[in-house]
Amino acid sequence: MRLVLILFSLMMFIGLSGCETIQGIGKDLQNIGKSLEKKSKE
């Protein structure tokens, strides 16, 4: 669980630093949510 939290934080940092618009941030957050959802189903 701790590793997941660290990876999630890292993805958030990379995603937010790579986005230039609010719409881009929304898409990044949506992609992160989808990947977390897939991991939780495994």
N, C-alpha and C. Protein backbone atom coordinates (compact mmCIF):
# COMPACT_ATOMS: atom_id res chain seq x y z
N MET A 1 0.83 -1.20 0.00
CA MET A 1 0.00 0.00 0.00
C MET A 1 0.87 1.25 0.00
N ARG A 2 1.94 1.21 0.73
CA ARG A 2 2.82 2.37 0.80
C ARG A 2 3.45 2.66 -0.57
N LEU A 3 3.81 1.59 -1.28
CA LEU A 3 4.40 1.74 -2.60
C LEU A 3 3.39 2.38 -3.56
N VAL A 4 2.15 1.97 -3.47
CA VAL A 4 1.10 2.54 -4.32
C VAL A 4 0.96 4.03 -4.04
N LEU A 5 0.99 4.41 -2.79
CA LEU A 5 0.88 5.82 -2.42
C LEU A 5 2.06 6.62 -2.97
N ILE A 6 3.25 6.08 -2.87
CA ILE A 6 4.44 6.76 -3.39
C ILE A 6 4.35 6.91 -4.90
N LEU A 7 3.95 5.83 -5.58
CA LEU A 7 3.81 5.89 -7.04
C LEU A 7 2.73 6.88 -7.45
N PHE A 8 1.62 6.90 -6.72
CA PHE A 8 0.54 7.84 -7.02
C PHE A 8 1.03 9.27 -6.86
N SER A 9 1.77 9.55 -5.80
CA SER A 9 2.29 10.89 -5.57
C SER A 9 3.25 11.29 -6.68
N LEU A 10 4.09 10.37 -7.09
CA LEU A 10 5.05 10.64 -8.17
C LEU A 10 4.31 10.93 -9.48
N MET A 11 3.30 10.14 -9.79
CA MET A 11 2.53 10.35 -11.01
C MET A 11 1.82 11.70 -10.98
N MET A 12 1.30 12.07 -9.82
CA MET A 12 0.63 13.36 -9.67
C MET A 12 1.62 14.50 -9.93
N PHE A 13 2.80 14.40 -9.36
CA PHE A 13 3.81 15.44 -9.54
C PHE A 13 4.20 15.57 -11.01
N ILE A 14 4.46 14.45 -11.65
CA ILE A 14 4.86 14.46 -13.07
C ILE A 14 3.71 14.97 -13.93
N GLY A 15 2.51 14.50 -13.63
CA GLY A 15 1.35 14.93 -14.41
C GLY A 15 1.07 16.41 -14.28
N LEU A 16 1.13 16.92 -13.07
CA LEU A 16 0.83 18.33 -12.86
C LEU A 16 1.93 19.23 -13.42
N SER A 17 3.17 18.78 -13.36
CA SER A 17 4.25 19.59 -13.88
C SER A 17 4.29 19.57 -15.40
N GLY A 18 3.70 18.53 -16.01
CA GLY A 18 3.70 18.42 -17.46
C GLY A 18 2.50 19.06 -18.12
N CYS A 19 1.51 19.45 -17.36
CA CYS A 19 0.29 20.03 -17.93
C CYS A 19 0.42 21.53 -18.04
N GLU A 20 -0.18 22.06 -19.09
CA GLU A 20 -0.16 23.51 -19.25
C GLU A 20 -1.54 24.13 -19.05
N THR A 21 -2.58 23.31 -19.10
CA THR A 21 -3.93 23.85 -18.98
C THR A 21 -4.72 23.09 -17.93
N ILE A 22 -5.80 23.68 -17.49
CA ILE A 22 -6.70 23.03 -16.53
C ILE A 22 -7.29 21.77 -17.16
N GLN A 23 -7.61 21.83 -18.43
CA GLN A 23 -8.16 20.66 -19.13
C GLN A 23 -7.15 19.53 -19.13
N GLY A 24 -5.88 19.85 -19.34
CA GLY A 24 -4.83 18.83 -19.31
C GLY A 24 -4.70 18.19 -17.95
N ILE A 25 -4.82 18.98 -16.90
CA ILE A 25 -4.76 18.44 -15.53
C ILE A 25 -5.93 17.48 -15.31
N GLY A 26 -7.11 17.86 -15.78
CA GLY A 26 -8.28 17.00 -15.64
C GLY A 26 -8.09 15.67 -16.34
N LYS A 27 -7.53 15.70 -17.54
CA LYS A 27 -7.29 14.45 -18.28
C LYS A 27 -6.26 13.59 -17.57
N ASP A 28 -5.21 14.21 -17.05
CA ASP A 28 -4.19 13.45 -16.32
C ASP A 28 -4.78 12.79 -15.08
N LEU A 29 -5.57 13.54 -14.34
CA LEU A 29 -6.20 12.98 -13.14
C LEU A 29 -7.14 11.84 -13.50
N GLN A 30 -7.83 11.98 -14.61
CA GLN A 30 -8.74 10.93 -15.05
C GLN A 30 -7.95 9.67 -15.41
N ASN A 31 -6.83 9.82 -16.09
CA ASN A 31 -5.99 8.67 -16.45
C ASN A 31 -5.41 8.00 -15.21
N ILE A 32 -5.00 8.79 -14.25
CA ILE A 32 -4.47 8.23 -13.00
C ILE A 32 -5.57 7.45 -12.28
N GLY A 33 -6.76 8.01 -12.25
CA GLY A 33 -7.88 7.33 -11.61
C GLY A 33 -8.19 6.00 -12.28
N LYS A 34 -8.15 5.97 -13.61
CA LYS A 34 -8.41 4.74 -14.34
C LYS A 34 -7.34 3.69 -14.04
N SER A 35 -6.08 4.11 -13.99
CA SER A 35 -5.01 3.14 -13.71
C SER A 35 -5.11 2.60 -12.29
N LEU A 36 -5.48 3.45 -11.34
CA LEU A 36 -5.66 2.99 -9.96
C LEU A 36 -6.85 2.02 -9.87
N GLU A 37 -7.87 2.29 -10.64
CA GLU A 37 -9.05 1.43 -10.65
C GLU A 37 -8.69 0.05 -11.19
N LYS A 38 -7.88 0.02 -12.24
CA LYS A 38 -7.44 -1.26 -12.80
C LYS A 38 -6.60 -2.04 -11.78
N LYS A 39 -5.71 -1.34 -11.09
CA LYS A 39 -4.85 -1.99 -10.10
C LYS A 39 -5.68 -2.56 -8.95
N SER A 40 -6.72 -1.84 -8.55
CA SER A 40 -7.53 -2.33 -7.42
C SER A 40 -8.34 -3.57 -7.79
N LYS A 41 -8.63 -3.75 -9.06
CA LYS A 41 -9.39 -4.91 -9.50
C LYS A 41 -8.53 -6.16 -9.61
N GLU A 42 -7.21 -5.99 -9.67
CA GLU A 42 -6.31 -7.12 -9.82
C GLU A 42 -6.16 -7.93 -8.56
